[in-house]
Amino acid sequence: QDQLVESGGGLVQAGGSLNLSCAASGRTFSNYAVGWFRQAPGKEREFVATISWSGFRPYSTYYADSVKGRFTISRDNAKNTVCLQMNTLKPEDTAVYYCAADHWGSGSRNRAPYEYWGQGTQVTVSS
């Protein structure tokens, strides 16, 4: 069964770092744009970062203003994974983080183009 699985979440102090990973099974991940979104309690799911499918060279990447300069998205097609390196974490980064895949996508800030979603991984940043 095709699926996306996030990992790497956890509890970290403000100023710390985490590296989230999104792994794909059952599909050629390099053919998909991959986005990271997050959802805090009582809030809507919001865009975090995205990277284009591998047909774009160099890859196109986009970030939410709130994470620009602190988060970096990257992909390793040989491992069929996309990572989100999160540095200088803040309490407001606390949320469930989801990865999503869009076939042959250029990378979108909107949720609609993404066809497949993972179950999410919890990130908690303490002050």
PDB file of N, CA and C in Angstrom:
ATOM      1  N   GLN A   1       0.841  -1.186   0.000  1.00  0.00           N
ATOM      2  CA  GLN A   1       0.000   0.000   0.000  1.00  0.00           C
ATOM      3  C   GLN A   1       0.884   1.246   0.000  1.00  0.00           C
ATOM      4  N   ASP A   2       0.589   2.197  -0.902  1.00  0.00           N
ATOM      5  CA  ASP A   2       1.365   3.422  -0.951  1.00  0.00           C
ATOM      6  C   ASP A   2       1.130   4.240   0.302  1.00  0.00           C
ATOM      7  N   GLN A   3       2.221   4.804   0.863  1.00  0.00           N
ATOM      8  CA  GLN A   3       2.040   5.626   2.036  1.00  0.00           C
ATOM      9  C   GLN A   3       3.239   6.520   2.243  1.00  0.00           C
ATOM     10  N   LEU A   4       2.993   7.587   3.024  1.00  0.00           N
ATOM     11  CA  LEU A   4       4.044   8.478   3.484  1.00  0.00           C
ATOM     12  C   LEU A   4       4.132   8.328   4.991  1.00  0.00           C
ATOM     13  N   VAL A   5       5.337   8.297   5.506  1.00  0.00           N
ATOM     14  CA  VAL A   5       5.544   8.145   6.941  1.00  0.00           C
ATOM     15  C   VAL A   5       6.513   9.207   7.416  1.00  0.00           C
ATOM     16  N   GLU A   6       6.052  10.012   8.373  1.00  0.00           N
ATOM     17  CA  GLU A   6       6.913  11.031   8.970  1.00  0.00           C
ATOM     18  C   GLU A   6       7.590  10.465  10.217  1.00  0.00           C
ATOM     19  N   SER A   7       8.778  10.964  10.495  1.00  0.00           N
ATOM     20  CA  SER A   7       9.487  10.599  11.716  1.00  0.00           C
ATOM     21  C   SER A   7      10.385  11.755  12.122  1.00  0.00           C
ATOM     22  N   GLY A   8      10.895  11.682  13.346  1.00  0.00           N
ATOM     23  CA  GLY A   8      11.855  12.672  13.814  1.00  0.00           C
ATOM     24  C   GLY A   8      11.294  13.719  14.755  1.00  0.00           C
ATOM     25  N   GLY A   9       9.993  13.675  14.991  1.00  0.00           N
ATOM     26  CA  GLY A   9       9.413  14.630  15.916  1.00  0.00           C
ATOM     27  C   GLY A   9       9.822  14.332  17.348  1.00  0.00           C
ATOM     28  N   GLY A  10       9.477  15.257  18.234  1.00  0.00           N
ATOM     29  CA  GLY A  10       9.803  15.049  19.642  1.00  0.00           C
ATOM     30  C   GLY A  10       9.686  16.328  20.423  1.00  0.00           C
ATOM     31  N   LEU A  11      10.237  16.291  21.631  1.00  0.00           N
ATOM     32  CA  LEU A  11      10.221  17.431  22.536  1.00  0.00           C
ATOM     33  C   LEU A  11      11.614  18.056  22.559  1.00  0.00           C
ATOM     34  N   VAL A  12      11.681  19.353  22.382  1.00  0.00           N
ATOM     35  CA  VAL A  12      12.967  20.055  22.354  1.00  0.00           C
ATOM     36  C   VAL A  12      12.786  21.420  23.013  1.00  0.00           C
ATOM     37  N   GLN A  13      13.854  21.926  23.585  1.00  0.00           N
ATOM     38  CA  GLN A  13      13.813  23.255  24.176  1.00  0.00           C
ATOM     39  C   GLN A  13      13.929  24.328  23.100  1.00  0.00           C
ATOM     40  N   ALA A  14      13.417  25.494  23.407  1.00  0.00           N
ATOM     41  CA  ALA A  14      13.535  26.617  22.483  1.00  0.00           C
ATOM     42  C   ALA A  14      15.001  26.861  22.139  1.00  0.00           C
ATOM     43  N   GLY A  15      15.250  27.099  20.863  1.00  0.00           N
ATOM     44  CA  GLY A  15      16.609  27.266  20.382  1.00  0.00           C
ATOM     45  C   GLY A  15      17.242  25.992  19.874  1.00  0.00           C
ATOM     46  N   GLY A  16      16.594  24.878  20.128  1.00  0.00           N
ATOM     47  CA  GLY A  16      17.117  23.588  19.703  1.00  0.00           C
ATOM     48  C   GLY A  16      16.767  23.257  18.265  1.00  0.00           C
ATOM     49  N   SER A  17      17.114  22.029  17.865  1.00  0.00           N
ATOM     50  CA  SER A  17      16.924  21.593  16.479  1.00  0.00           C
ATOM     51  C   SER A  17      16.285  20.214  16.430  1.00  0.00           C
ATOM     52  N   LEU A  18      15.579  19.977  15.359  1.00  0.00           N
ATOM     53  CA  LEU A  18      15.050  18.657  15.032  1.00  0.00           C
ATOM     54  C   LEU A  18      15.153  18.461  13.526  1.00  0.00           C
ATOM     55  N   ASN A  19      15.274  17.205  13.113  1.00  0.00           N
ATOM     56  CA  ASN A  19      15.289  16.890  11.687  1.00  0.00           C
ATOM     57  C   ASN A  19      14.153  15.910  11.417  1.00  0.00           C
ATOM     58  N   LEU A  20      13.135  16.382  10.724  1.00  0.00           N
ATOM     59  CA  LEU A  20      12.012  15.534  10.360  1.00  0.00           C
ATOM     60  C   LEU A  20      12.301  14.825   9.040  1.00  0.00           C
ATOM     61  N   SER A  21      11.813  13.618   8.925  1.00  0.00           N
ATOM     62  CA  SER A  21      11.993  12.841   7.703  1.00  0.00           C
ATOM     63  C   SER A  21      10.644  12.352   7.209  1.00  0.00           C
ATOM     64  N   CYS A  22      10.475  12.379   5.901  1.00  0.00           N
ATOM     65  CA  CYS A  22       9.277  11.853   5.251  1.00  0.00           C
ATOM     66  C   CYS A  22       9.732  10.755   4.309  1.00  0.00           C
ATOM     67  N   ALA A  23       9.297   9.551   4.562  1.00  0.00           N
ATOM     68  CA  ALA A  23       9.686   8.410   3.745  1.00  0.00           C
ATOM     69  C   ALA A  23       8.495   7.910   2.946  1.00  0.00           C
ATOM     70  N   ALA A  24       8.759   7.503   1.718  1.00  0.00           N
ATOM     71  CA  ALA A  24       7.696   7.024   0.838  1.00  0.00           C
ATOM     72  C   ALA A  24       7.903   5.560   0.510  1.00  0.00           C
ATOM     73  N   SER A  25       6.814   4.858   0.437  1.00  0.00           N
ATOM     74  CA  SER A  25       6.874   3.479  -0.012  1.00  0.00           C
ATOM     75  C   SER A  25       5.850   3.295  -1.120  1.00  0.00           C
ATOM     76  N   GLY A  26       6.169   2.435  -2.054  1.00  0.00           N
ATOM     77  CA  GLY A  26       5.218   2.121  -3.097  1.00  0.00           C
ATOM     78  C   GLY A  26       5.151   3.106  -4.238  1.00  0.00           C
ATOM     79  N   ARG A  27       6.046   4.082  -4.258  1.00  0.00           N
ATOM     80  CA  ARG A  27       6.034   5.056  -5.345  1.00  0.00           C
ATOM     81  C   ARG A  27       7.433   5.590  -5.573  1.00  0.00           C
ATOM     82  N   THR A  28       7.661   6.155  -6.769  1.00  0.00           N
ATOM     83  CA  THR A  28       8.939   6.792  -7.084  1.00  0.00           C
ATOM     84  C   THR A  28       8.875   8.205  -6.552  1.00  0.00           C
ATOM     85  N   PHE A  29       9.458   8.416  -5.392  1.00  0.00           N
ATOM     86  CA  PHE A  29       9.320   9.677  -4.684  1.00  0.00           C
ATOM     87  C   PHE A  29       9.895  10.848  -5.463  1.00  0.00           C
ATOM     88  N   SER A  30      10.899  10.574  -6.296  1.00  0.00           N
ATOM     89  CA  SER A  30      11.535  11.652  -7.037  1.00  0.00           C
ATOM     90  C   SER A  30      10.573  12.316  -8.020  1.00  0.00           C
ATOM     91  N   ASN A  31       9.486  11.661  -8.356  1.00  0.00           N
ATOM     92  CA  ASN A  31       8.492  12.216  -9.271  1.00  0.00           C
ATOM     93  C   ASN A  31       7.453  13.090  -8.585  1.00  0.00           C
ATOM     94  N   TYR A  32       7.654  13.319  -7.303  1.00  0.00           N
ATOM     95  CA  TYR A  32       6.674  14.072  -6.531  1.00  0.00           C
ATOM     96  C   TYR A  32       7.302  15.311  -5.902  1.00  0.00           C
ATOM     97  N   ALA A  33       6.581  16.426  -5.976  1.00  0.00           N
ATOM     98  CA  ALA A  33       6.883  17.540  -5.083  1.00  0.00           C
ATOM     99  C   ALA A  33       6.443  17.117  -3.682  1.00  0.00           C
ATOM    100  N   VAL A  34       7.186  17.545  -2.690  1.00  0.00           N
ATOM    101  CA  VAL A  34       6.847  17.183  -1.313  1.00  0.00           C
ATOM    102  C   VAL A  34       6.740  18.459  -0.487  1.00  0.00           C
ATOM    103  N   GLY A  35       5.663  18.547   0.229  1.00  0.00           N
ATOM    104  CA  GLY A  35       5.446  19.697   1.091  1.00  0.00           C
ATOM    105  C   GLY A  35       5.359  19.284   2.544  1.00  0.00           C
ATOM    106  N   TRP A  36       5.745  20.208   3.403  1.00  0.00           N
ATOM    107  CA  TRP A  36       5.547  20.038   4.848  1.00  0.00           C
ATOM    108  C   TRP A  36       4.519  21.076   5.303  1.00  0.00           C
ATOM    109  N   PHE A  37       3.575  20.609   6.076  1.00  0.00           N
ATOM    110  CA  PHE A  37       2.550  21.463   6.653  1.00  0.00           C
ATOM    111  C   PHE A  37       2.513  21.184   8.142  1.00  0.00           C
ATOM    112  N   ARG A  38       1.908  22.070   8.909  1.00  0.00           N
ATOM    113  CA  ARG A  38       1.785  21.838  10.333  1.00  0.00           C
ATOM    114  C   ARG A  38       0.436  22.337  10.826  1.00  0.00           C
ATOM    115  N   GLN A  39       0.017  21.721  11.921  1.00  0.00           N
ATOM    116  CA  GLN A  39      -1.263  22.097  12.501  1.00  0.00           C
ATOM    117  C   GLN A  39      -1.130  22.128  14.014  1.00  0.00           C
ATOM    118  N   ALA A  40      -1.341  23.311  14.566  1.00  0.00           N
ATOM    119  CA  ALA A  40      -1.326  23.489  16.010  1.00  0.00           C
ATOM    120  C   ALA A  40      -2.745  23.320  16.535  1.00  0.00           C
ATOM    121  N   PRO A  41      -2.898  23.006  17.816  1.00  0.00           N
ATOM    122  CA  PRO A  41      -4.242  22.819  18.382  1.00  0.00           C
ATOM    123  C   PRO A  41      -5.112  24.046  18.167  1.00  0.00           C
ATOM    124  N   GLY A  42      -6.313  23.816  17.652  1.00  0.00           N
ATOM    125  CA  GLY A  42      -7.254  24.900  17.444  1.00  0.00           C
ATOM    126  C   GLY A  42      -6.981  25.773  16.242  1.00  0.00           C
ATOM    127  N   LYS A  43      -5.987  25.407  15.456  1.00  0.00           N
ATOM    128  CA  LYS A  43      -5.644  26.212  14.276  1.00  0.00           C
ATOM    129  C   LYS A  43      -5.754  25.375  13.010  1.00  0.00           C
ATOM    130  N   GLU A  44      -5.822  26.066  11.882  1.00  0.00           N
ATOM    131  CA  GLU A  44      -5.869  25.379  10.599  1.00  0.00           C
ATOM    132  C   GLU A  44      -4.476  24.873  10.227  1.00  0.00           C
ATOM    133  N   ARG A  45      -4.458  23.864   9.382  1.00  0.00           N
ATOM    134  CA  ARG A  45      -3.196  23.350   8.884  1.00  0.00           C
ATOM    135  C   ARG A  45      -2.557  24.409   7.987  1.00  0.00           C
ATOM    136  N   GLU A  46      -1.287  24.678   8.208  1.00  0.00           N
ATOM    137  CA  GLU A  46      -0.620  25.736   7.467  1.00  0.00           C
ATOM    138  C   GLU A  46       0.636  25.228   6.776  1.00  0.00           C
ATOM    139  N   PHE A  47       0.975  25.901   5.703  1.00  0.00           N
ATOM    140  CA  PHE A  47       2.153  25.578   4.912  1.00  0.00           C
ATOM    141  C   PHE A  47       3.433  25.896   5.677  1.00  0.00           C
ATOM    142  N   VAL A  48       4.441  25.026   5.527  1.00  0.00           N
ATOM    143  CA  VAL A  48       5.747  25.245   6.136  1.00  0.00           C
ATOM    144  C   VAL A  48       6.833  25.360   5.062  1.00  0.00           C
ATOM    145  N   ALA A  49       6.946  24.340   4.218  1.00  0.00           N
ATOM    146  CA  ALA A  49       8.001  24.316   3.207  1.00  0.00           C
ATOM    147  C   ALA A  49       7.641  23.311   2.124  1.00  0.00           C
ATOM    148  N   THR A  50       8.230  23.491   0.947  1.00  0.00           N
ATOM    149  CA  THR A  50       7.989  22.551  -0.130  1.00  0.00           C
ATOM    150  C   THR A  50       9.200  22.492  -1.051  1.00  0.00           C
ATOM    151  N   ILE A  51       9.344  21.363  -1.719  1.00  0.00           N
ATOM    152  CA  ILE A  51      10.422  21.172  -2.681  1.00  0.00           C
ATOM    153  C   ILE A  51       9.827  20.511  -3.918  1.00  0.00           C
ATOM    154  N   SER A  52      10.275  20.940  -5.078  1.00  0.00           N
ATOM    155  CA  SER A  52       9.716  20.464  -6.337  1.00  0.00           C
ATOM    156  C   SER A  52      10.113  19.009  -6.628  1.00  0.00           C
ATOM    157  N   TRP A  53       9.458  18.413  -7.601  1.00  0.00           N
ATOM    158  CA  TRP A  53       9.867  17.077  -8.037  1.00  0.00           C
ATOM    159  C   TRP A  53      11.208  17.179  -8.760  1.00  0.00           C
ATOM    160  N   SER A  54      11.833  16.045  -8.998  1.00  0.00           N
ATOM    161  CA  SER A  54      13.226  16.048  -9.435  1.00  0.00           C
ATOM    162  C   SER A  54      13.435  16.509 -10.868  1.00  0.00           C
ATOM    163  N   GLY A  55      12.361  16.729 -11.628  1.00  0.00           N
ATOM    164  CA  GLY A  55      12.496  17.260 -12.971  1.00  0.00           C
ATOM    165  C   GLY A  55      12.943  18.708 -12.992  1.00  0.00           C
ATOM    166  N   PHE A  56      12.832  19.385 -11.868  1.00  0.00           N
ATOM    167  CA  PHE A  56      13.315  20.759 -11.748  1.00  0.00           C
ATOM    168  C   PHE A  56      14.745  20.701 -11.230  1.00  0.00           C
ATOM    169  N   ARG A  57      15.689  21.198 -11.998  1.00  0.00           N
ATOM    170  CA  ARG A  57      17.075  21.263 -11.550  1.00  0.00           C
ATOM    171  C   ARG A  57      17.622  22.641 -11.823  1.00  0.00           C
ATOM    172  N   PRO A  58      17.969  23.429 -10.800  1.00  0.00           N
ATOM    173  CA  PRO A  58      17.946  22.992  -9.407  1.00  0.00           C
ATOM    174  C   PRO A  58      16.525  22.893  -8.873  1.00  0.00           C
ATOM    175  N   TYR A  59      16.357  22.209  -7.769  1.00  0.00           N
ATOM    176  CA  TYR A  59      15.041  22.087  -7.169  1.00  0.00           C
ATOM    177  C   TYR A  59      14.516  23.462  -6.794  1.00  0.00           C
ATOM    178  N   SER A  60      13.204  23.617  -6.911  1.00  0.00           N
ATOM    179  CA  SER A  60      12.561  24.815  -6.401  1.00  0.00           C
ATOM    180  C   SER A  60      12.151  24.545  -4.967  1.00  0.00           C
ATOM    181  N   THR A  61      12.435  25.481  -4.101  1.00  0.00           N
ATOM    182  CA  THR A  61      12.019  25.364  -2.706  1.00  0.00           C
ATOM    183  C   THR A  61      11.335  26.658  -2.285  1.00  0.00           C
ATOM    184  N   TYR A  62      10.354  26.518  -1.420  1.00  0.00           N
ATOM    185  CA  TYR A  62       9.625  27.672  -0.889  1.00  0.00           C
ATOM    186  C   TYR A  62       9.405  27.448   0.598  1.00  0.00           C
ATOM    187  N   TYR A  63       9.386  28.540   1.330  1.00  0.00           N
ATOM    188  CA  TYR A  63       9.215  28.484   2.779  1.00  0.00           C
ATOM    189  C   TYR A  63       8.190  29.507   3.232  1.00  0.00           C
ATOM    190  N   ALA A  64       7.508  29.165   4.297  1.00  0.00           N
ATOM    191  CA  ALA A  64       6.672  30.154   4.962  1.00  0.00           C
ATOM    192  C   ALA A  64       7.579  31.218   5.566  1.00  0.00           C
ATOM    193  N   ASP A  65       7.091  32.440   5.617  1.00  0.00           N
ATOM    194  CA  ASP A  65       7.905  33.533   6.170  1.00  0.00           C
ATOM    195  C   ASP A  65       8.316  33.243   7.601  1.00  0.00           C
ATOM    196  N   SER A  66       7.462  32.545   8.338  1.00  0.00           N
ATOM    197  CA  SER A  66       7.717  32.303   9.749  1.00  0.00           C
ATOM    198  C   SER A  66       8.882  31.345   9.989  1.00  0.00           C
ATOM    199  N   VAL A  67       9.277  30.585   8.972  1.00  0.00           N
ATOM    200  CA  VAL A  67      10.360  29.606   9.158  1.00  0.00           C
ATOM    201  C   VAL A  67      11.560  29.890   8.265  1.00  0.00           C
ATOM    202  N   LYS A  68      11.445  30.865   7.398  1.00  0.00           N
ATOM    203  CA  LYS A  68      12.535  31.175   6.461  1.00  0.00           C
ATOM    204  C   LYS A  68      13.803  31.534   7.230  1.00  0.00           C
ATOM    205  N   GLY A  69      14.899  30.920   6.829  1.00  0.00           N
ATOM    206  CA  GLY A  69      16.166  31.152   7.504  1.00  0.00           C
ATOM    207  C   GLY A  69      16.418  30.224   8.667  1.00  0.00           C
ATOM    208  N   ARG A  70      15.390  29.507   9.114  1.00  0.00           N
ATOM    209  CA  ARG A  70      15.548  28.569  10.245  1.00  0.00           C
ATOM    210  C   ARG A  70      15.359  27.129   9.792  1.00  0.00           C
ATOM    211  N   PHE A  71      14.479  26.901   8.830  1.00  0.00           N
ATOM    212  CA  PHE A  71      14.169  25.547   8.345  1.00  0.00           C
ATOM    213  C   PHE A  71      14.757  25.355   6.953  1.00  0.00           C
ATOM    214  N   THR A  72      15.171  24.120   6.667  1.00  0.00           N
ATOM    215  CA  THR A  72      15.684  23.778   5.346  1.00  0.00           C
ATOM    216  C   THR A  72      15.082  22.456   4.892  1.00  0.00           C
ATOM    217  N   ILE A  73      14.512  22.459   3.696  1.00  0.00           N
ATOM    218  CA  ILE A  73      13.948  21.235   3.135  1.00  0.00           C
ATOM    219  C   ILE A  73      14.924  20.686   2.104  1.00  0.00           C
ATOM    220  N   SER A  74      15.060  19.367   2.079  1.00  0.00           N
ATOM    221  CA  SER A  74      15.974  18.728   1.133  1.00  0.00           C
ATOM    222  C   SER A  74      15.438  17.351   0.792  1.00  0.00           C
ATOM    223  N   ARG A  75      15.937  16.798  -0.310  1.00  0.00           N
ATOM    224  CA  ARG A  75      15.468  15.471  -0.679  1.00  0.00           C
ATOM    225  C   ARG A  75      16.641  14.567  -1.014  1.00  0.00           C
ATOM    226  N   ASP A  76      16.485  13.288  -0.728  1.00  0.00           N
ATOM    227  CA  ASP A  76      17.463  12.252  -1.052  1.00  0.00           C
ATOM    228  C   ASP A  76      16.707  11.188  -1.823  1.00  0.00           C
ATOM    229  N   ASN A  77      16.766  11.290  -3.138  1.00  0.00           N
ATOM    230  CA  ASN A  77      15.976  10.374  -3.964  1.00  0.00           C
ATOM    231  C   ASN A  77      16.455   8.932  -3.862  1.00  0.00           C
ATOM    232  N   ALA A  78      17.727   8.744  -3.602  1.00  0.00           N
ATOM    233  CA  ALA A  78      18.245   7.382  -3.463  1.00  0.00           C
ATOM    234  C   ALA A  78      17.612   6.684  -2.257  1.00  0.00           C
ATOM    235  N   LYS A  79      17.302   7.467  -1.220  1.00  0.00           N
ATOM    236  CA  LYS A  79      16.685   6.903  -0.023  1.00  0.00           C
ATOM    237  C   LYS A  79      15.176   7.080  -0.025  1.00  0.00           C
ATOM    238  N   ASN A  80      14.651   7.713  -1.073  1.00  0.00           N
ATOM    239  CA  ASN A  80      13.203   7.952  -1.159  1.00  0.00           C
ATOM    240  C   ASN A  80      12.692   8.730   0.041  1.00  0.00           C
ATOM    241  N   THR A  81      13.454   9.752   0.441  1.00  0.00           N
ATOM    242  CA  THR A  81      13.063  10.551   1.600  1.00  0.00           C
ATOM    243  C   THR A  81      13.194  12.040   1.312  1.00  0.00           C
ATOM    244  N   VAL A  82      12.430  12.814   2.061  1.00  0.00           N
ATOM    245  CA  VAL A  82      12.550  14.270   2.085  1.00  0.00           C
ATOM    246  C   VAL A  82      12.676  14.677   3.543  1.00  0.00           C
ATOM    247  N   CYS A  83      13.629  15.538   3.836  1.00  0.00           N
ATOM    248  CA  CYS A  83      13.888  15.952   5.214  1.00  0.00           C
ATOM    249  C   CYS A  83      13.573  17.419   5.423  1.00  0.00           C
ATOM    250  N   LEU A  84      13.222  17.743   6.643  1.00  0.00           N
ATOM    251  CA  LEU A  84      13.015  19.127   7.048  1.00  0.00           C
ATOM    252  C   LEU A  84      13.898  19.369   8.269  1.00  0.00           C
ATOM    253  N   GLN A  85      14.996  20.071   8.056  1.00  0.00           N
ATOM    254  CA  GLN A  85      15.884  20.415   9.155  1.00  0.00           C
ATOM    255  C   GLN A  85      15.365  21.689   9.796  1.00  0.00           C
ATOM    256  N   MET A  86      15.083  21.592  11.088  1.00  0.00           N
ATOM    257  CA  MET A  86      14.495  22.726  11.801  1.00  0.00           C
ATOM    258  C   MET A  86      15.470  23.196  12.875  1.00  0.00           C
ATOM    259  N   ASN A  87      15.940  24.412  12.728  1.00  0.00           N
ATOM    260  CA  ASN A  87      16.878  24.993  13.682  1.00  0.00           C
ATOM    261  C   ASN A  87      16.247  26.181  14.395  1.00  0.00           C
ATOM    262  N   THR A  88      16.862  26.565  15.485  1.00  0.00           N
ATOM    263  CA  THR A  88      16.405  27.720  16.265  1.00  0.00           C
ATOM    264  C   THR A  88      14.898  27.642  16.505  1.00  0.00           C
ATOM    265  N   LEU A  89      14.460  26.511  17.014  1.00  0.00           N
ATOM    266  CA  LEU A  89      13.031  26.286  17.199  1.00  0.00           C
ATOM    267  C   LEU A  89      12.460  27.203  18.262  1.00  0.00           C
ATOM    268  N   LYS A  90      11.200  27.573  18.052  1.00  0.00           N
ATOM    269  CA  LYS A  90      10.489  28.468  18.948  1.00  0.00           C
ATOM    270  C   LYS A  90       9.242  27.761  19.470  1.00  0.00           C
ATOM    271  N   PRO A  91       8.723  28.180  20.619  1.00  0.00           N
ATOM    272  CA  PRO A  91       7.495  27.550  21.126  1.00  0.00           C
ATOM    273  C   PRO A  91       6.349  27.604  20.108  1.00  0.00           C
ATOM    274  N   GLU A  92       6.293  28.642  19.307  1.00  0.00           N
ATOM    275  CA  GLU A  92       5.225  28.740  18.305  1.00  0.00           C
ATOM    276  C   GLU A  92       5.381  27.757  17.153  1.00  0.00           C
ATOM    277  N   ASP A  93       6.477  27.038  17.111  1.00  0.00           N
ATOM    278  CA  ASP A  93       6.640  25.978  16.110  1.00  0.00           C
ATOM    279  C   ASP A  93       5.972  24.674  16.555  1.00  0.00           C
ATOM    280  N   THR A  94       5.475  24.654  17.773  1.00  0.00           N
ATOM    281  CA  THR A  94       4.809  23.464  18.290  1.00  0.00           C
ATOM    282  C   THR A  94       3.573  23.136  17.460  1.00  0.00           C
ATOM    283  N   ALA A  95       3.523  21.913  16.949  1.00  0.00           N
ATOM    284  CA  ALA A  95       2.418  21.487  16.082  1.00  0.00           C
ATOM    285  C   ALA A  95       2.636  20.039  15.680  1.00  0.00           C
ATOM    286  N   VAL A  96       1.621  19.469  15.049  1.00  0.00           N
ATOM    287  CA  VAL A  96       1.801  18.208  14.345  1.00  0.00           C
ATOM    288  C   VAL A  96       2.247  18.546  12.923  1.00  0.00           C
ATOM    289  N   TYR A  97       3.329  17.936  12.497  1.00  0.00           N
ATOM    290  CA  TYR A  97       3.893  18.211  11.182  1.00  0.00           C
ATOM    291  C   TYR A  97       3.548  17.069  10.232  1.00  0.00           C
ATOM    292  N   TYR A  98       3.046  17.440   9.064  1.00  0.00           N
ATOM    293  CA  TYR A  98       2.627  16.483   8.049  1.00  0.00           C
ATOM    294  C   TYR A  98       3.435  16.681   6.777  1.00  0.00           C
ATOM    295  N   CYS A  99       3.793  15.587   6.123  1.00  0.00           N
ATOM    296  CA  CYS A  99       4.343  15.704   4.780  1.00  0.00           C
ATOM    297  C   CYS A  99       3.272  15.253   3.788  1.00  0.00           C
ATOM    298  N   ALA A 100       3.395  15.781   2.568  1.00  0.00           N
ATOM    299  CA  ALA A 100       2.417  15.496   1.528  1.00  0.00           C
ATOM    300  C   ALA A 100       3.117  15.465   0.182  1.00  0.00           C
ATOM    301  N   ALA A 101       2.558  14.706  -0.760  1.00  0.00           N
ATOM    302  CA  ALA A 101       3.197  14.517  -2.060  1.00  0.00           C
ATOM    303  C   ALA A 101       2.269  14.907  -3.199  1.00  0.00           C
ATOM    304  N   ASP A 102       2.852  15.578  -4.189  1.00  0.00           N
ATOM    305  CA  ASP A 102       2.113  16.081  -5.357  1.00  0.00           C
ATOM    306  C   ASP A 102       2.860  15.602  -6.607  1.00  0.00           C
ATOM    307  N   HIS A 103       2.215  14.728  -7.377  1.00  0.00           N
ATOM    308  CA  HIS A 103       2.864  14.116  -8.545  1.00  0.00           C
ATOM    309  C   HIS A 103       3.282  15.169  -9.570  1.00  0.00           C
ATOM    310  N   TRP A 104       4.567  15.197  -9.869  1.00  0.00           N
ATOM    311  CA  TRP A 104       5.157  16.128 -10.836  1.00  0.00           C
ATOM    312  C   TRP A 104       4.885  17.592 -10.481  1.00  0.00           C
ATOM    313  N   GLY A 105       4.769  17.848  -9.199  1.00  0.00           N
ATOM    314  CA  GLY A 105       4.482  19.203  -8.794  1.00  0.00           C
ATOM    315  C   GLY A 105       5.719  20.085  -8.758  1.00  0.00           C
ATOM    316  N   SER A 106       5.480  21.383  -8.894  1.00  0.00           N
ATOM    317  CA  SER A 106       6.570  22.357  -8.824  1.00  0.00           C
ATOM    318  C   SER A 106       6.797  22.820  -7.396  1.00  0.00           C
ATOM    319  N   GLY A 107       5.903  22.404  -6.495  1.00  0.00           N
ATOM    320  CA  GLY A 107       5.993  22.848  -5.113  1.00  0.00           C
ATOM    321  C   GLY A 107       4.957  23.928  -4.870  1.00  0.00           C
ATOM    322  N   SER A 108       3.947  23.615  -4.074  1.00  0.00           N
ATOM    323  CA  SER A 108       2.854  24.557  -3.847  1.00  0.00           C
ATOM    324  C   SER A 108       2.709  24.856  -2.364  1.00  0.00           C
ATOM    325  N   ARG A 109       2.321  26.101  -2.078  1.00  0.00           N
ATOM    326  CA  ARG A 109       2.035  26.487  -0.699  1.00  0.00           C
ATOM    327  C   ARG A 109       0.616  26.080  -0.297  1.00  0.00           C
ATOM    328  N   ASN A 110      -0.181  25.696  -1.250  1.00  0.00           N
ATOM    329  CA  ASN A 110      -1.567  25.321  -0.986  1.00  0.00           C
ATOM    330  C   ASN A 110      -1.704  23.819  -0.773  1.00  0.00           C
ATOM    331  N   ARG A 111      -2.688  23.408   0.003  1.00  0.00           N
ATOM    332  CA  ARG A 111      -2.894  21.989   0.296  1.00  0.00           C
ATOM    333  C   ARG A 111      -3.519  21.240  -0.871  1.00  0.00           C
ATOM    334  N   ALA A 112      -4.304  21.931  -1.692  1.00  0.00           N
ATOM    335  CA  ALA A 112      -5.131  21.253  -2.696  1.00  0.00           C
ATOM    336  C   ALA A 112      -4.359  20.353  -3.657  1.00  0.00           C
ATOM    337  N   PRO A 113      -3.186  20.761  -4.168  1.00  0.00           N
ATOM    338  CA  PRO A 113      -2.528  19.896  -5.164  1.00  0.00           C
ATOM    339  C   PRO A 113      -1.971  18.597  -4.607  1.00  0.00           C
ATOM    340  N   TYR A 114      -1.820  18.504  -3.299  1.00  0.00           N
ATOM    341  CA  TYR A 114      -1.160  17.341  -2.713  1.00  0.00           C
ATOM    342  C   TYR A 114      -2.134  16.175  -2.615  1.00  0.00           C
ATOM    343  N   GLU A 115      -1.724  15.062  -3.220  1.00  0.00           N
ATOM    344  CA  GLU A 115      -2.607  13.905  -3.332  1.00  0.00           C
ATOM    345  C   GLU A 115      -2.468  12.942  -2.157  1.00  0.00           C
ATOM    346  N   TYR A 116      -1.291  12.879  -1.581  1.00  0.00           N
ATOM    347  CA  TYR A 116      -1.030  11.895  -0.530  1.00  0.00           C
ATOM    348  C   TYR A 116      -0.498  12.609   0.701  1.00  0.00           C
ATOM    349  N   TRP A 117      -0.942  12.155   1.857  1.00  0.00           N
ATOM    350  CA  TRP A 117      -0.561  12.759   3.127  1.00  0.00           C
ATOM    351  C   TRP A 117      -0.130  11.683   4.106  1.00  0.00           C
ATOM    352  N   GLY A 118       0.837  12.055   4.950  1.00  0.00           N
ATOM    353  CA  GLY A 118       1.225  11.175   6.034  1.00  0.00           C
ATOM    354  C   GLY A 118       0.328  11.385   7.240  1.00  0.00           C
ATOM    355  N   GLN A 119       0.600  10.643   8.289  1.00  0.00           N
ATOM    356  CA  GLN A 119      -0.217  10.696   9.508  1.00  0.00           C
ATOM    357  C   GLN A 119       0.252  11.773  10.472  1.00  0.00           C
ATOM    358  N   GLY A 120       1.425  12.316  10.252  1.00  0.00           N
ATOM    359  CA  GLY A 120       1.915  13.399  11.087  1.00  0.00           C
ATOM    360  C   GLY A 120       2.862  12.945  12.181  1.00  0.00           C
ATOM    361  N   THR A 121       3.702  13.883  12.615  1.00  0.00           N
ATOM    362  CA  THR A 121       4.604  13.651  13.738  1.00  0.00           C
ATOM    363  C   THR A 121       4.571  14.898  14.629  1.00  0.00           C
ATOM    364  N   GLN A 122       4.509  14.670  15.925  1.00  0.00           N
ATOM    365  CA  GLN A 122       4.357  15.763  16.877  1.00  0.00           C
ATOM    366  C   GLN A 122       5.706  16.428  17.154  1.00  0.00           C
ATOM    367  N   VAL A 123       5.709  17.750  17.090  1.00  0.00           N
ATOM    368  CA  VAL A 123       6.873  18.552  17.483  1.00  0.00           C
ATOM    369  C   VAL A 123       6.422  19.479  18.606  1.00  0.00           C
ATOM    370  N   THR A 124       7.113  19.396  19.732  1.00  0.00           N
ATOM    371  CA  THR A 124       6.795  20.240  20.875  1.00  0.00           C
ATOM    372  C   THR A 124       8.050  20.998  21.285  1.00  0.00           C
ATOM    373  N   VAL A 125       7.936  22.329  21.327  1.00  0.00           N
ATOM    374  CA  VAL A 125       9.060  23.177  21.693  1.00  0.00           C
ATOM    375  C   VAL A 125       8.719  23.866  23.008  1.00  0.00           C
ATOM    376  N   SER A 126       9.511  23.585  24.027  1.00  0.00           N
ATOM    377  CA  SER A 126       9.269  24.164  25.340  1.00  0.00           C
ATOM    378  C   SER A 126      10.051  25.468  25.488  1.00  0.00           C
ATOM    379  N   SER A 127       9.478  26.370  26.255  1.00  0.00           N
ATOM    380  CA  SER A 127      10.130  27.678  26.443  1.00  0.00           C
ATOM    381  C   SER A 127      11.074  27.663  27.634  1.00  0.00           C
TER     382      SER A 127
END
